C-alpha atoms as a PDB file:
ATOM      1  CA  UNK A   1      -7.429  -5.978  19.529  1.00  0.00           C
ATOM      2  CA  UNK A   2     -11.208  -6.271  19.148  1.00  0.00           C
ATOM      3  CA  UNK A   3     -13.165  -3.613  17.246  1.00  0.00           C
ATOM      4  CA  UNK A   4     -16.727  -2.436  17.806  1.00  0.00           C
ATOM      5  CA  UNK A   5     -18.014  -5.342  15.693  1.00  0.00           C
ATOM      6  CA  UNK A   6     -16.153  -7.799  17.913  1.00  0.00           C
ATOM      7  CA  UNK A   7     -13.632  -8.859  15.269  1.00  0.00           C
ATOM      8  CA  UNK A   8     -10.185  -9.834  16.505  1.00  0.00           C
ATOM      9  CA  UNK A   9      -7.009  -8.950  14.636  1.00  0.00           C
ATOM     10  CA  UNK A  10      -5.425 -11.697  12.570  1.00  0.00           C
ATOM     11  CA  UNK A  11      -2.350 -12.912  14.449  1.00  0.00           C
ATOM     12  CA  UNK A  12      -0.115 -15.943  13.843  1.00  0.00           C
ATOM     13  CA  UNK A  13       2.119 -17.112  16.709  1.00  0.00           C
ATOM     14  CA  UNK A  14       4.724 -19.809  17.134  1.00  0.00           C
ATOM     15  CA  UNK A  15       4.670 -22.440  19.889  1.00  0.00           C
ATOM     16  CA  UNK A  16       6.176 -20.037  22.419  1.00  0.00           C
ATOM     17  CA  UNK A  17       3.560 -17.363  21.770  1.00  0.00           C
ATOM     18  CA  UNK A  18       5.887 -15.094  19.764  1.00  0.00           C
ATOM     19  CA  UNK A  19       4.049 -13.180  17.040  1.00  0.00           C
ATOM     20  CA  UNK A  20       5.174 -14.227  13.566  1.00  0.00           C
ATOM     21  CA  UNK A  21       2.570 -12.326  11.560  1.00  0.00           C
ATOM     22  CA  UNK A  22       0.085  -9.608  12.503  1.00  0.00           C
ATOM     23  CA  UNK A  23      -2.721  -7.697  10.815  1.00  0.00           C
ATOM     24  CA  UNK A  24      -2.042  -4.045  10.022  1.00  0.00           C
ATOM     25  CA  UNK A  25      -3.553  -1.282   7.912  1.00  0.00           C
ATOM     26  CA  UNK A  26      -1.368  -0.396   4.951  1.00  0.00           C
ATOM     27  CA  UNK A  27      -1.326   2.733   2.778  1.00  0.00           C
ATOM     28  CA  UNK A  28       0.487   2.669  -0.561  1.00  0.00           C
ATOM     29  CA  UNK A  29       1.093   5.539  -2.992  1.00  0.00           C
ATOM     30  CA  UNK A  30       2.397   5.124  -6.554  1.00  0.00           C
ATOM     31  CA  UNK A  31       4.018   7.895  -8.592  1.00  0.00           C
ATOM     32  CA  UNK A  32       4.782   8.243 -12.304  1.00  0.00           C
ATOM     33  CA  UNK A  33       6.763  11.441 -11.724  1.00  0.00           C
ATOM     34  CA  UNK A  34      10.554  10.814 -11.721  1.00  0.00           C
ATOM     35  CA  UNK A  35      12.131  11.071  -8.275  1.00  0.00           C
ATOM     36  CA  UNK A  36      14.373  14.069  -9.129  1.00  0.00           C
ATOM     37  CA  UNK A  37      11.252  16.049 -10.066  1.00  0.00           C
ATOM     38  CA  UNK A  38       9.295  15.206  -6.912  1.00  0.00           C
ATOM     39  CA  UNK A  39      11.923  15.340  -4.173  1.00  0.00           C
ATOM     40  CA  UNK A  40      10.079  18.075  -2.314  1.00  0.00           C
ATOM     41  CA  UNK A  41       6.728  16.293  -2.540  1.00  0.00           C
ATOM     42  CA  UNK A  42       8.265  12.952  -1.529  1.00  0.00           C
ATOM     43  CA  UNK A  43      10.062  14.529   1.418  1.00  0.00           C
ATOM     44  CA  UNK A  44       6.840  16.109   2.676  1.00  0.00           C
ATOM     45  CA  UNK A  45       4.911  12.844   2.302  1.00  0.00           C
ATOM     46  CA  UNK A  46       7.552  10.987   4.319  1.00  0.00           C
ATOM     47  CA  UNK A  47       7.834  13.654   7.025  1.00  0.00           C
ATOM     48  CA  UNK A  48       4.045  13.837   7.304  1.00  0.00           C
ATOM     49  CA  UNK A  49       3.745  10.050   7.584  1.00  0.00           C
ATOM     50  CA  UNK A  50       6.246   9.918  10.441  1.00  0.00           C
ATOM     51  CA  UNK A  51       4.447  12.812  12.118  1.00  0.00           C
ATOM     52  CA  UNK A  52       1.198  10.910  11.759  1.00  0.00           C
ATOM     53  CA  UNK A  53       2.376   8.015  13.954  1.00  0.00           C
ATOM     54  CA  UNK A  54       5.132   9.796  15.963  1.00  0.00           C
ATOM     55  CA  UNK A  55       8.748   8.797  16.628  1.00  0.00           C
ATOM     56  CA  UNK A  56       7.841   7.061  19.873  1.00  0.00           C
ATOM     57  CA  UNK A  57       5.363   4.798  18.109  1.00  0.00           C
ATOM     58  CA  UNK A  58       7.824   3.881  15.366  1.00  0.00           C
ATOM     59  CA  UNK A  59      10.476   2.662  17.832  1.00  0.00           C
ATOM     60  CA  UNK A  60      12.731   1.848  14.912  1.00  0.00           C
ATOM     61  CA  UNK A  61      16.353   1.889  13.773  1.00  0.00           C
ATOM     62  CA  UNK A  62      18.071   2.807  10.548  1.00  0.00           C
ATOM     63  CA  UNK A  63      21.496   1.936   9.173  1.00  0.00           C
ATOM     64  CA  UNK A  64      24.208   4.236  10.508  1.00  0.00           C
ATOM     65  CA  UNK A  65      27.442   5.288   8.755  1.00  0.00           C
ATOM     66  CA  UNK A  66      29.307   2.222  10.049  1.00  0.00           C
ATOM     67  CA  UNK A  67      26.492  -0.156   9.157  1.00  0.00           C
ATOM     68  CA  UNK A  68      25.324  -0.547  12.736  1.00  0.00           C
ATOM     69  CA  UNK A  69      21.661   0.155  13.569  1.00  0.00           C
ATOM     70  CA  UNK A  70      20.991   3.603  14.991  1.00  0.00           C
ATOM     71  CA  UNK A  71      17.857   4.315  17.043  1.00  0.00           C
ATOM     72  CA  UNK A  72      15.532   6.784  15.361  1.00  0.00           C
ATOM     73  CA  UNK A  73      15.200  10.169  17.055  1.00  0.00           C
ATOM     74  CA  UNK A  74      13.719  13.398  15.735  1.00  0.00           C
ATOM     75  CA  UNK A  75      17.235  14.768  15.196  1.00  0.00           C
ATOM     76  CA  UNK A  76      18.462  11.607  13.481  1.00  0.00           C
ATOM     77  CA  UNK A  77      15.379  11.396  11.283  1.00  0.00           C
ATOM     78  CA  UNK A  78      15.752  14.931   9.979  1.00  0.00           C
ATOM     79  CA  UNK A  79      19.471  14.372   9.384  1.00  0.00           C
ATOM     80  CA  UNK A  80      18.594  11.278   7.360  1.00  0.00           C
ATOM     81  CA  UNK A  81      15.919  13.104   5.376  1.00  0.00           C
ATOM     82  CA  UNK A  82      18.232  16.047   4.674  1.00  0.00           C
ATOM     83  CA  UNK A  83      20.933  13.646   3.499  1.00  0.00           C
ATOM     84  CA  UNK A  84      18.590  12.154   0.907  1.00  0.00           C
ATOM     85  CA  UNK A  85      16.667  15.234  -0.175  1.00  0.00           C
ATOM     86  CA  UNK A  86      19.036  18.182   0.389  1.00  0.00           C
ATOM     87  CA  UNK A  87      22.489  16.794   1.132  1.00  0.00           C
ATOM     88  CA  UNK A  88      25.003  14.283  -0.176  1.00  0.00           C
ATOM     89  CA  UNK A  89      22.486  11.969  -1.852  1.00  0.00           C
ATOM     90  CA  UNK A  90      20.112  14.624  -3.191  1.00  0.00           C
ATOM     91  CA  UNK A  91      21.710  14.641  -6.643  1.00  0.00           C
ATOM     92  CA  UNK A  92      21.188  10.900  -7.070  1.00  0.00           C
ATOM     93  CA  UNK A  93      18.474  10.005  -9.610  1.00  0.00           C
ATOM     94  CA  UNK A  94      17.063   7.273  -7.332  1.00  0.00           C
ATOM     95  CA  UNK A  95      16.300   7.087  -3.627  1.00  0.00           C
ATOM     96  CA  UNK A  96      15.582   4.203  -1.256  1.00  0.00           C
ATOM     97  CA  UNK A  97      14.569   4.840   2.328  1.00  0.00           C
ATOM     98  CA  UNK A  98      13.115   2.487   4.923  1.00  0.00           C
ATOM     99  CA  UNK A  99      12.075   2.885   8.565  1.00  0.00           C
ATOM    100  CA  UNK A 100      10.791  -0.280  10.205  1.00  0.00           C
ATOM    101  CA  UNK A 101       9.665  -0.556  13.813  1.00  0.00           C
ATOM    102  CA  UNK A 102      11.350  -2.761  16.382  1.00  0.00           C
ATOM    103  CA  UNK A 103       8.812  -5.514  16.954  1.00  0.00           C
ATOM    104  CA  UNK A 104      10.626  -8.670  15.969  1.00  0.00           C
ATOM    105  CA  UNK A 105       9.606 -10.318  12.720  1.00  0.00           C
ATOM    106  CA  UNK A 106       6.241  -8.556  12.532  1.00  0.00           C
ATOM    107  CA  UNK A 107       6.770  -4.820  13.136  1.00  0.00           C
ATOM    108  CA  UNK A 108       3.641  -2.837  13.932  1.00  0.00           C
ATOM    109  CA  UNK A 109       4.867   0.287  12.141  1.00  0.00           C
ATOM    110  CA  UNK A 110       6.937   0.857   9.052  1.00  0.00           C
ATOM    111  CA  UNK A 111       7.616   3.037   6.049  1.00  0.00           C
ATOM    112  CA  UNK A 112       9.407   2.467   2.747  1.00  0.00           C
ATOM    113  CA  UNK A 113      10.040   4.859  -0.127  1.00  0.00           C
ATOM    114  CA  UNK A 114      11.601   3.992  -3.444  1.00  0.00           C
ATOM    115  CA  UNK A 115      12.004   6.883  -5.853  1.00  0.00           C
ATOM    116  CA  UNK A 116      13.185   6.153  -9.378  1.00  0.00           C
ATOM    117  CA  UNK A 117      14.573   8.063 -12.343  1.00  0.00           C
ATOM    118  CA  UNK A 118      11.556   7.193 -14.448  1.00  0.00           C
ATOM    119  CA  UNK A 119      12.487   9.485 -17.344  1.00  0.00           C
ATOM    120  CA  UNK A 120      15.605   7.450 -18.205  1.00  0.00           C
ATOM    121  CA  UNK A 121      15.569   4.592 -20.762  1.00  0.00           C
ATOM    122  CA  UNK A 122      14.459   1.204 -19.464  1.00  0.00           C
ATOM    123  CA  UNK A 123      11.762   2.404 -17.089  1.00  0.00           C
ATOM    124  CA  UNK A 124       8.697   1.977 -19.323  1.00  0.00           C
ATOM    125  CA  UNK A 125       5.614   1.478 -17.111  1.00  0.00           C
ATOM    126  CA  UNK A 126       7.768   1.633 -13.950  1.00  0.00           C
ATOM    127  CA  UNK A 127       6.655   3.769 -11.007  1.00  0.00           C
ATOM    128  CA  UNK A 128       8.009   4.967  -7.688  1.00  0.00           C
ATOM    129  CA  UNK A 129       6.176   4.152  -4.465  1.00  0.00           C
ATOM    130  CA  UNK A 130       5.726   5.017  -0.800  1.00  0.00           C
ATOM    131  CA  UNK A 131       4.169   2.537   1.615  1.00  0.00           C
ATOM    132  CA  UNK A 132       3.466   2.792   5.317  1.00  0.00           C
ATOM    133  CA  UNK A 133       1.613   0.614   7.787  1.00  0.00           C
ATOM    134  CA  UNK A 134       0.281   0.781  11.339  1.00  0.00           C
ATOM    135  CA  UNK A 135      -1.679  -1.428  13.781  1.00  0.00           C
ATOM    136  CA  UNK A 136      -5.402  -1.627  13.155  1.00  0.00           C
ATOM    137  CA  UNK A 137      -6.232  -0.187  16.584  1.00  0.00           C
ATOM    138  CA  UNK A 138      -4.059   2.854  15.836  1.00  0.00           C
ATOM    139  CA  UNK A 139      -5.835   3.324  12.535  1.00  0.00           C
ATOM    140  CA  UNK A 140      -9.284   3.021  14.109  1.00  0.00           C
ATOM    141  CA  UNK A 141      -8.462   5.486  16.891  1.00  0.00           C
ATOM    142  CA  UNK A 142      -6.884   8.008  14.482  1.00  0.00           C
ATOM    143  CA  UNK A 143      -9.053   7.359  11.413  1.00  0.00           C
ATOM    144  CA  UNK A 144      -9.820  11.046  10.829  1.00  0.00           C
ATOM    145  CA  UNK A 145      -6.147  12.055  10.950  1.00  0.00           C
ATOM    146  CA  UNK A 146      -5.115   9.137   8.733  1.00  0.00           C
ATOM    147  CA  UNK A 147      -7.846  10.003   6.251  1.00  0.00           C
ATOM    148  CA  UNK A 148      -6.713  13.616   6.174  1.00  0.00           C
ATOM    149  CA  UNK A 149      -3.128  12.537   5.597  1.00  0.00           C
ATOM    150  CA  UNK A 150      -4.165  10.248   2.749  1.00  0.00           C
ATOM    151  CA  UNK A 151      -6.279  12.877   1.017  1.00  0.00           C
ATOM    152  CA  UNK A 152      -3.684  15.637   1.283  1.00  0.00           C
ATOM    153  CA  UNK A 153      -0.806  13.389   0.252  1.00  0.00           C
ATOM    154  CA  UNK A 154      -2.386  12.004  -2.936  1.00  0.00           C
ATOM    155  CA  UNK A 155      -3.075  15.552  -4.101  1.00  0.00           C
ATOM    156  CA  UNK A 156       0.147  17.251  -3.009  1.00  0.00           C
ATOM    157  CA  UNK A 157       2.434  14.418  -4.161  1.00  0.00           C
ATOM    158  CA  UNK A 158       0.753  14.001  -7.534  1.00  0.00           C
ATOM    159  CA  UNK A 159       0.196  10.287  -6.933  1.00  0.00           C
ATOM    160  CA  UNK A 160      -0.994   8.375  -9.984  1.00  0.00           C
ATOM    161  CA  UNK A 161      -2.786   5.827  -7.764  1.00  0.00           C
ATOM    162  CA  UNK A 162      -2.993   4.953  -4.069  1.00  0.00           C
ATOM    163  CA  UNK A 163      -4.972   2.811  -1.666  1.00  0.00           C
ATOM    164  CA  UNK A 164      -5.774   1.921   1.957  1.00  0.00           C
ATOM    165  CA  UNK A 165      -6.282  -1.730   2.878  1.00  0.00           C
ATOM    166  CA  UNK A 166      -6.084  -4.384   5.544  1.00  0.00           C
ATOM    167  CA  UNK A 167      -2.692  -6.063   5.224  1.00  0.00           C
ATOM    168  CA  UNK A 168      -0.167  -8.075   7.234  1.00  0.00           C
ATOM    169  CA  UNK A 169       3.277  -7.508   8.681  1.00  0.00           C
ATOM    170  CA  UNK A 170       5.774 -10.327   9.000  1.00  0.00           C
ATOM    171  CA  UNK A 171       5.376 -13.967   8.121  1.00  0.00           C
ATOM    172  CA  UNK A 172       6.821 -15.954   5.250  1.00  0.00           C
ATOM    173  CA  UNK A 173       5.553 -15.579   1.708  1.00  0.00           C
ATOM    174  CA  UNK A 174       3.769 -18.916   1.985  1.00  0.00           C
ATOM    175  CA  UNK A 175       2.109 -17.883   5.264  1.00  0.00           C
ATOM    176  CA  UNK A 176       0.860 -14.642   3.723  1.00  0.00           C
ATOM    177  CA  UNK A 177      -0.348 -16.438   0.618  1.00  0.00           C
ATOM    178  CA  UNK A 178      -2.217 -18.990   2.738  1.00  0.00           C
ATOM    179  CA  UNK A 179      -4.030 -16.229   4.655  1.00  0.00           C
ATOM    180  CA  UNK A 180      -4.894 -14.436   1.424  1.00  0.00           C
ATOM    181  CA  UNK A 181      -6.602 -17.571   0.093  1.00  0.00           C
ATOM    182  CA  UNK A 182      -9.074 -17.314   2.955  1.00  0.00           C
ATOM    183  CA  UNK A 183      -9.322 -13.527   3.330  1.00  0.00           C
ATOM    184  CA  UNK A 184      -9.989 -11.926  -0.067  1.00  0.00           C
ATOM    185  CA  UNK A 185      -9.752  -8.377   1.264  1.00  0.00           C
ATOM    186  CA  UNK A 186      -6.275  -8.859   2.721  1.00  0.00           C
ATOM    187  CA  UNK A 187      -3.557  -7.053   0.774  1.00  0.00           C
ATOM    188  CA  UNK A 188      -0.345  -9.052   0.385  1.00  0.00           C
ATOM    189  CA  UNK A 189       0.956  -7.276  -2.730  1.00  0.00           C
ATOM    190  CA  UNK A 190       4.641  -6.389  -2.949  1.00  0.00           C
ATOM    191  CA  UNK A 191       4.766  -2.680  -3.881  1.00  0.00           C
ATOM    192  CA  UNK A 192       8.284  -3.159  -5.217  1.00  0.00           C
ATOM    193  CA  UNK A 193       7.136  -5.852  -7.631  1.00  0.00           C
ATOM    194  CA  UNK A 194       3.892  -4.082  -8.532  1.00  0.00           C
ATOM    195  CA  UNK A 195       5.732  -0.822  -9.254  1.00  0.00           C
ATOM    196  CA  UNK A 196       7.944  -2.465 -11.883  1.00  0.00           C
ATOM    197  CA  UNK A 197       5.211  -2.453 -14.550  1.00  0.00           C
ATOM    198  CA  UNK A 198       2.199  -0.697 -13.005  1.00  0.00           C
ATOM    199  CA  UNK A 199       2.301   2.257 -15.389  1.00  0.00           C
ATOM    200  CA  UNK A 200      -0.934   4.198 -15.597  1.00  0.00           C
ATOM    201  CA  UNK A 201      -3.140   1.450 -14.195  1.00  0.00           C
ATOM    202  CA  UNK A 202      -4.954   0.647 -10.943  1.00  0.00           C
ATOM    203  CA  UNK A 203      -2.979  -1.597  -8.512  1.00  0.00           C
ATOM    204  CA  UNK A 204      -6.079  -3.518  -7.416  1.00  0.00           C
ATOM    205  CA  UNK A 205      -9.495  -3.366  -5.786  1.00  0.00           C
ATOM    206  CA  UNK A 206      -9.136  -2.077  -2.223  1.00  0.00           C
ATOM    207  CA  UNK A 207     -11.281  -0.575   0.514  1.00  0.00           C
ATOM    208  CA  UNK A 208     -10.165   2.937  -0.443  1.00  0.00           C
ATOM    209  CA  UNK A 209      -8.582   3.570  -3.831  1.00  0.00           C
ATOM    210  CA  UNK A 210      -7.370   6.852  -5.271  1.00  0.00           C
ATOM    211  CA  UNK A 211      -7.205   7.386  -9.030  1.00  0.00           C
ATOM    212  CA  UNK A 212      -5.071  10.311 -10.150  1.00  0.00           C
ATOM    213  CA  UNK A 213      -6.461  12.700 -12.794  1.00  0.00           C
ATOM    214  CA  UNK A 214      -5.219  10.663 -15.771  1.00  0.00           C
ATOM    215  CA  UNK A 215      -6.572   7.385 -14.407  1.00  0.00           C
ATOM    216  CA  UNK A 216      -9.852   8.981 -13.368  1.00  0.00           C
ATOM    217  CA  UNK A 217     -10.299  10.334 -16.886  1.00  0.00           C
ATOM    218  CA  UNK A 218      -9.440   6.979 -18.469  1.00  0.00           C
ATOM    219  CA  UNK A 219     -12.067   5.325 -16.243  1.00  0.00           C
ATOM    220  CA  UNK A 220     -14.735   7.771 -17.419  1.00  0.00           C
ATOM    221  CA  UNK A 221     -14.861  10.141 -14.464  1.00  0.00           C
ATOM    222  CA  UNK A 222     -16.668  10.143 -11.147  1.00  0.00           C
ATOM    223  CA  UNK A 223     -20.212   9.593 -12.382  1.00  0.00           C
ATOM    224  CA  UNK A 224     -19.265   6.672 -14.644  1.00  0.00           C
ATOM    225  CA  UNK A 225     -17.332   4.969 -11.847  1.00  0.00           C
ATOM    226  CA  UNK A 226     -20.123   5.551  -9.324  1.00  0.00           C
ATOM    227  CA  UNK A 227     -22.724   4.044 -11.679  1.00  0.00           C
ATOM    228  CA  UNK A 228     -20.692   0.854 -12.003  1.00  0.00           C
ATOM    229  CA  UNK A 229     -20.417   0.211  -8.270  1.00  0.00           C
ATOM    230  CA  UNK A 230     -22.693  -1.395  -5.699  1.00  0.00           C
ATOM    231  CA  UNK A 231     -24.926   0.610  -3.317  1.00  0.00           C
ATOM    232  CA  UNK A 232     -22.928   1.960  -0.395  1.00  0.00           C
ATOM    233  CA  UNK A 233     -19.786   2.635  -2.413  1.00  0.00           C
ATOM    234  CA  UNK A 234     -18.838   6.313  -2.544  1.00  0.00           C
ATOM    235  CA  UNK A 235     -16.897   8.106  -5.280  1.00  0.00           C
ATOM    236  CA  UNK A 236     -15.810  11.708  -4.820  1.00  0.00           C
ATOM    237  CA  UNK A 237     -13.691  14.133  -6.786  1.00  0.00           C
ATOM    238  CA  UNK A 238     -10.640  15.579  -5.035  1.00  0.00           C
ATOM    239  CA  UNK A 239      -8.783  18.806  -5.880  1.00  0.00           C
ATOM    240  CA  UNK A 240      -6.873  18.350  -9.120  1.00  0.00           C
ATOM    241  CA  UNK A 241      -9.576  16.076 -10.616  1.00  0.00           C
ATOM    242  CA  UNK A 242      -8.454  12.802  -9.083  1.00  0.00           C
ATOM    243  CA  UNK A 243     -11.167  10.616  -7.565  1.00  0.00           C
ATOM    244  CA  UNK A 244     -11.413   8.744  -4.282  1.00  0.00           C
ATOM    245  CA  UNK A 245     -13.359   5.459  -4.248  1.00  0.00           C
ATOM    246  CA  UNK A 246     -14.490   3.967  -0.928  1.00  0.00           C
ATOM    247  CA  UNK A 247     -16.098   0.528  -1.079  1.00  0.00           C
ATOM    248  CA  UNK A 248     -18.061   0.652   2.159  1.00  0.00           C
ATOM    249  CA  UNK A 249     -17.965   2.215   5.608  1.00  0.00           C
ATOM    250  CA  UNK A 250     -15.388  -0.169   7.123  1.00  0.00           C
ATOM    251  CA  UNK A 251     -12.450  -2.282   5.997  1.00  0.00           C
ATOM    252  CA  UNK A 252     -13.594  -5.842   5.304  1.00  0.00           C
ATOM    253  CA  UNK A 253     -11.456  -8.975   5.198  1.00  0.00           C
ATOM    254  CA  UNK A 254     -13.759 -11.068   3.018  1.00  0.00           C
ATOM    255  CA  UNK A 255     -13.549 -14.301   5.015  1.00  0.00           C
ATOM    256  CA  UNK A 256     -14.361 -17.124   2.583  1.00  0.00           C
ATOM    257  CA  UNK A 257     -15.106 -19.446   5.515  1.00  0.00           C
ATOM    258  CA  UNK A 258     -17.959 -17.119   6.453  1.00  0.00           C
ATOM    259  CA  UNK A 259     -19.011 -16.544   2.817  1.00  0.00           C
ATOM    260  CA  UNK A 260     -18.095 -12.863   2.899  1.00  0.00           C
ATOM    261  CA  UNK A 261     -17.955 -12.331  -0.849  1.00  0.00           C
ATOM    262  CA  UNK A 262     -17.145  -8.571  -1.005  1.00  0.00           C
ATOM    263  CA  UNK A 263     -19.441  -7.714  -3.947  1.00  0.00           C
ATOM    264  CA  UNK A 264     -18.321  -4.056  -3.908  1.00  0.00           C
ATOM    265  CA  UNK A 265     -14.706  -5.106  -4.427  1.00  0.00           C
ATOM    266  CA  UNK A 266     -15.759  -7.397  -7.270  1.00  0.00           C
ATOM    267  CA  UNK A 267     -17.776  -4.663  -8.969  1.00  0.00           C
ATOM    268  CA  UNK A 268     -14.860  -2.215  -8.860  1.00  0.00           C
ATOM    269  CA  UNK A 269     -12.373  -4.826 -10.114  1.00  0.00           C
ATOM    270  CA  UNK A 270     -14.629  -5.865 -12.991  1.00  0.00           C
ATOM    271  CA  UNK A 271     -15.256  -2.271 -13.976  1.00  0.00           C
ATOM    272  CA  UNK A 272     -11.550  -1.405 -14.014  1.00  0.00           C
ATOM    273  CA  UNK A 273     -10.699  -4.628 -15.848  1.00  0.00           C
ATOM    274  CA  UNK A 274     -13.343  -3.831 -18.461  1.00  0.00           C
ATOM    275  CA  UNK A 275     -11.619  -0.495 -18.994  1.00  0.00           C
ATOM    276  CA  UNK A 276      -8.259  -2.262 -19.392  1.00  0.00           C
ATOM    277  CA  UNK A 277      -6.969  -0.504 -16.266  1.00  0.00           C
ATOM    278  CA  UNK A 278      -6.665  -3.322 -13.706  1.00  0.00           C
ATOM    279  CA  UNK A 279      -3.009  -4.188 -13.199  1.00  0.00           C
ATOM    280  CA  UNK A 280      -1.600  -7.713 -12.924  1.00  0.00           C
ATOM    281  CA  UNK A 281       2.210  -7.781 -12.446  1.00  0.00           C
ATOM    282  CA  UNK A 282       4.078  -9.548 -15.246  1.00  0.00           C
ATOM    283  CA  UNK A 283       7.659  -8.360 -14.939  1.00  0.00           C
ATOM    284  CA  UNK A 284       8.392  -9.659 -11.426  1.00  0.00           C
ATOM    285  CA  UNK A 285       7.143 -12.901  -9.841  1.00  0.00           C
ATOM    286  CA  UNK A 286       7.059 -12.503  -6.063  1.00  0.00           C
ATOM    287  CA  UNK A 287       4.721 -15.372  -5.084  1.00  0.00           C
ATOM    288  CA  UNK A 288       6.402 -18.656  -4.133  1.00  0.00           C
ATOM    289  CA  UNK A 289       5.431 -22.318  -4.251  1.00  0.00           C
ATOM    290  CA  UNK A 290       6.236 -24.993  -1.656  1.00  0.00           C
ATOM    291  CA  UNK A 291       9.713 -25.449  -3.164  1.00  0.00           C
ATOM    292  CA  UNK A 292      10.534 -21.758  -2.871  1.00  0.00           C
ATOM    293  CA  UNK A 293      10.285 -21.216  -6.639  1.00  0.00           C
ATOM    294  CA  UNK A 294       8.483 -18.353  -8.343  1.00  0.00           C
ATOM    295  CA  UNK A 295       4.765 -19.103  -8.679  1.00  0.00           C
ATOM    296  CA  UNK A 296       3.415 -16.868 -11.447  1.00  0.00           C
ATOM    297  CA  UNK A 297       0.083 -18.675 -11.760  1.00  0.00           C
ATOM    298  CA  UNK A 298      -0.728 -18.219  -8.052  1.00  0.00           C
ATOM    299  CA  UNK A 299       0.319 -14.581  -8.276  1.00  0.00           C
ATOM    300  CA  UNK A 300      -1.917 -13.904 -11.269  1.00  0.00           C
ATOM    301  CA  UNK A 301      -4.823 -15.729  -9.629  1.00  0.00           C
ATOM    302  CA  UNK A 302      -4.495 -13.558  -6.504  1.00  0.00           C
ATOM    303  CA  UNK A 303      -4.342 -10.297  -8.451  1.00  0.00           C
ATOM    304  CA  UNK A 304      -7.415 -11.364 -10.451  1.00  0.00           C
ATOM    305  CA  UNK A 305      -9.278 -12.924  -7.501  1.00  0.00           C
ATOM    306  CA  UNK A 306     -12.184 -10.473  -7.623  1.00  0.00           C
ATOM    307  CA  UNK A 307     -12.815 -11.308 -11.284  1.00  0.00           C
ATOM    308  CA  UNK A 308     -13.442 -14.981 -10.537  1.00  0.00           C
ATOM    309  CA  UNK A 309     -16.893 -16.428 -10.017  1.00  0.00           C
ATOM    310  CA  UNK A 310     -17.320 -16.824  -6.238  1.00  0.00           C
ATOM    311  CA  UNK A 311     -17.298 -20.449  -5.085  1.00  0.00           C
END
């Protein structure tokens, strides 16, 4: 689609015209509360996210009892949720739930939740997470509703950190990495990998970032954060003393070919890094090189991209 500024979505197709990779808007929440202690909050966040986009829009399947895919319906969804949060699986210390739309290799809609028993040994600095994504045109047309969902969810779920960003669905790791080299504002992080050692830190510099009360305090509070940012960035306090940081009116891709440097993103990243709060994953390497091997140096460079001197 084309927005009011005339920008087209990023789309990669194969020779037959089939979409291999598409631009989406992604929302990610991180939690330091163990899953057993936030089942109710996690359930509400998931139910609200599905309600935000509707069952018809999701057009997805989930794994049935015999392993075969089952089409998602309102009845099936609530049965699945009850199974995890009130039924047979509700006593489990961990939870893993995924709903991905039926759109080939690059689904337009999706949701994943991974709740962990973070109060058991071996989970130092680990977090749980919830991610969801939607097409950019859906986000633009429902921006007020999406914003309301984001604000209410970070507060009600007790998220330690969260963000909203341009991202991509589909594609190989190398294809996503190649796009991210050109578009600095494009989020290609793996929440599963990031969550392994995120702890009480900020997952990155994004268009909209939420800092829970503990992170907001560690960063110096709203006024300190606001003073460190560029004109046009907005920092506001939400109920519960978390803060919401918005780095401009619209999502920006930061196209290096057009010298879009994203100074607001750089200012926020440098401020958080100076506070020792900017996270760079160390425990899991999810970037790959041309041979399909883990590429830790490329991964670190991407996570620290806003700290580099612009070329």
